[in-house]
């Protein structure tokens, strides 16, 4: 089970610690975040693969970071659905 703890949140900055996950979810999330012109930087680090704790940092310009994260998650899901349709012929 994934647990999210917000460490710091401001108008244009969010830092969170996510427990129960490693690189699998965050590598594509960061890639999609960085495609957004409103994202100044997005990064994550894993303290140790066995503890499965990820620290996510997102800084935006002109847009709340949580909105940018939601948009990136929706774009990832959209692309996964498109990939699924391609494999299943839907």
C-alpha atoms as a PDB file:
ATOM      1  CA  UNK A   1       0.000   0.000   0.000  1.00  0.00           C
ATOM      2  CA  UNK A   2       1.289   3.453  -0.918  1.00  0.00           C
ATOM      3  CA  UNK A   3       1.278   6.187   1.732  1.00  0.00           C
ATOM      4  CA  UNK A   4       1.889   9.826   0.811  1.00  0.00           C
ATOM      5  CA  UNK A   5       3.146  12.346   3.338  1.00  0.00           C
ATOM      6  CA  UNK A   6       3.375  16.008   2.388  1.00  0.00           C
ATOM      7  CA  UNK A   7       6.613  17.483   3.737  1.00  0.00           C
ATOM      8  CA  UNK A   8       6.224  21.000   2.343  1.00  0.00           C
ATOM      9  CA  UNK A   9       3.697  22.705   0.121  1.00  0.00           C
ATOM     10  CA  UNK A  10       3.732  26.280  -1.154  1.00  0.00           C
ATOM     11  CA  UNK A  11       2.173  28.132  -4.075  1.00  0.00           C
ATOM     12  CA  UNK A  12       4.769  26.803  -6.509  1.00  0.00           C
ATOM     13  CA  UNK A  13       6.589  24.028  -4.609  1.00  0.00           C
ATOM     14  CA  UNK A  14       5.652  20.619  -3.306  1.00  0.00           C
ATOM     15  CA  UNK A  15       7.783  18.085  -1.481  1.00  0.00           C
ATOM     16  CA  UNK A  16       6.339  14.731  -0.487  1.00  0.00           C
ATOM     17  CA  UNK A  17       7.531  11.385   0.803  1.00  0.00           C
ATOM     18  CA  UNK A  18       5.838   8.372  -0.689  1.00  0.00           C
ATOM     19  CA  UNK A  19       6.173   5.069   1.127  1.00  0.00           C
ATOM     20  CA  UNK A  20       5.693   1.750  -0.604  1.00  0.00           C
ATOM     21  CA  UNK A  21       7.021   2.600  -4.052  1.00  0.00           C
ATOM     22  CA  UNK A  22      10.331   2.878  -5.891  1.00  0.00           C
ATOM     23  CA  UNK A  23      11.454   3.929  -9.358  1.00  0.00           C
ATOM     24  CA  UNK A  24       8.651   2.171 -11.221  1.00  0.00           C
ATOM     25  CA  UNK A  25       6.024   4.890 -10.894  1.00  0.00           C
ATOM     26  CA  UNK A  26       8.228   7.921 -10.554  1.00  0.00           C
ATOM     27  CA  UNK A  27      10.474   7.636 -13.590  1.00  0.00           C
ATOM     28  CA  UNK A  28       7.564   8.103 -16.035  1.00  0.00           C
ATOM     29  CA  UNK A  29       5.839  10.633 -13.766  1.00  0.00           C
ATOM     30  CA  UNK A  30       8.930  12.854 -13.757  1.00  0.00           C
ATOM     31  CA  UNK A  31       9.241  12.514 -17.536  1.00  0.00           C
ATOM     32  CA  UNK A  32       5.658  13.697 -18.013  1.00  0.00           C
ATOM     33  CA  UNK A  33       6.032  16.491 -15.467  1.00  0.00           C
ATOM     34  CA  UNK A  34       9.098  17.826 -17.266  1.00  0.00           C
ATOM     35  CA  UNK A  35       7.148  18.005 -20.541  1.00  0.00           C
ATOM     36  CA  UNK A  36       4.884  20.607 -18.916  1.00  0.00           C
ATOM     37  CA  UNK A  37       6.140  24.160 -19.618  1.00  0.00           C
ATOM     38  CA  UNK A  38       4.737  25.256 -16.240  1.00  0.00           C
ATOM     39  CA  UNK A  39       7.079  22.905 -14.378  1.00  0.00           C
ATOM     40  CA  UNK A  40      10.413  24.478 -13.491  1.00  0.00           C
ATOM     41  CA  UNK A  41      11.845  21.243 -12.118  1.00  0.00           C
ATOM     42  CA  UNK A  42      10.675  17.840 -10.977  1.00  0.00           C
ATOM     43  CA  UNK A  43      12.825  15.218  -9.331  1.00  0.00           C
ATOM     44  CA  UNK A  44      12.692  12.247  -7.050  1.00  0.00           C
ATOM     45  CA  UNK A  45      15.121  10.160  -5.094  1.00  0.00           C
ATOM     46  CA  UNK A  46      14.840   6.820  -3.378  1.00  0.00           C
ATOM     47  CA  UNK A  47      16.477   6.575   0.032  1.00  0.00           C
ATOM     48  CA  UNK A  48      17.096   2.821  -0.364  1.00  0.00           C
ATOM     49  CA  UNK A  49      15.370   0.255  -2.612  1.00  0.00           C
ATOM     50  CA  UNK A  50      14.575  -2.017   0.332  1.00  0.00           C
ATOM     51  CA  UNK A  51      12.771   0.688   2.317  1.00  0.00           C
ATOM     52  CA  UNK A  52      10.732   1.824  -0.710  1.00  0.00           C
ATOM     53  CA  UNK A  53      10.579   5.496   0.263  1.00  0.00           C
ATOM     54  CA  UNK A  54      10.564   8.082  -2.508  1.00  0.00           C
ATOM     55  CA  UNK A  55      11.009  11.827  -1.971  1.00  0.00           C
ATOM     56  CA  UNK A  56       9.298  13.809  -4.730  1.00  0.00           C
ATOM     57  CA  UNK A  57      10.013  17.491  -5.357  1.00  0.00           C
ATOM     58  CA  UNK A  58       8.152  19.619  -7.887  1.00  0.00           C
ATOM     59  CA  UNK A  59       8.562  23.348  -8.519  1.00  0.00           C
ATOM     60  CA  UNK A  60       6.244  25.133 -10.902  1.00  0.00           C
ATOM     61  CA  UNK A  61       5.832  28.573 -12.408  1.00  0.00           C
ATOM     62  CA  UNK A  62       2.317  29.984 -12.494  1.00  0.00           C
ATOM     63  CA  UNK A  63       0.531  26.749 -11.651  1.00  0.00           C
ATOM     64  CA  UNK A  64       0.046  24.888  -8.359  1.00  0.00           C
ATOM     65  CA  UNK A  65       2.347  21.844  -8.240  1.00  0.00           C
ATOM     66  CA  UNK A  66      -0.491  19.514  -7.286  1.00  0.00           C
ATOM     67  CA  UNK A  67      -2.331  20.521 -10.471  1.00  0.00           C
ATOM     68  CA  UNK A  68       0.780  19.742 -12.524  1.00  0.00           C
ATOM     69  CA  UNK A  69       1.092  16.344 -10.819  1.00  0.00           C
ATOM     70  CA  UNK A  70      -2.578  15.517 -11.467  1.00  0.00           C
ATOM     71  CA  UNK A  71      -2.181  16.514 -15.118  1.00  0.00           C
ATOM     72  CA  UNK A  72       0.935  14.361 -15.503  1.00  0.00           C
ATOM     73  CA  UNK A  73      -0.787  11.357 -13.889  1.00  0.00           C
ATOM     74  CA  UNK A  74      -3.768  11.762 -16.234  1.00  0.00           C
ATOM     75  CA  UNK A  75      -1.435  11.956 -19.246  1.00  0.00           C
ATOM     76  CA  UNK A  76       0.389   8.799 -18.156  1.00  0.00           C
ATOM     77  CA  UNK A  77      -2.915   6.970 -17.738  1.00  0.00           C
ATOM     78  CA  UNK A  78      -4.150   8.213 -21.130  1.00  0.00           C
ATOM     79  CA  UNK A  79      -1.035   6.921 -22.848  1.00  0.00           C
ATOM     80  CA  UNK A  80      -1.290   3.565 -21.065  1.00  0.00           C
ATOM     81  CA  UNK A  81      -4.897   3.235 -22.248  1.00  0.00           C
ATOM     82  CA  UNK A  82      -3.781   3.988 -25.819  1.00  0.00           C
ATOM     83  CA  UNK A  83      -1.060   1.362 -25.541  1.00  0.00           C
ATOM     84  CA  UNK A  84      -3.560  -1.145 -24.183  1.00  0.00           C
ATOM     85  CA  UNK A  85      -5.930  -0.459 -27.111  1.00  0.00           C
ATOM     86  CA  UNK A  86      -3.056  -1.029 -29.518  1.00  0.00           C
ATOM     87  CA  UNK A  87      -2.287  -4.427 -28.021  1.00  0.00           C
ATOM     88  CA  UNK A  88      -5.900  -5.497 -27.660  1.00  0.00           C
ATOM     89  CA  UNK A  89      -7.029  -4.080 -30.991  1.00  0.00           C
ATOM     90  CA  UNK A  90      -9.662  -1.824 -29.402  1.00  0.00           C
END
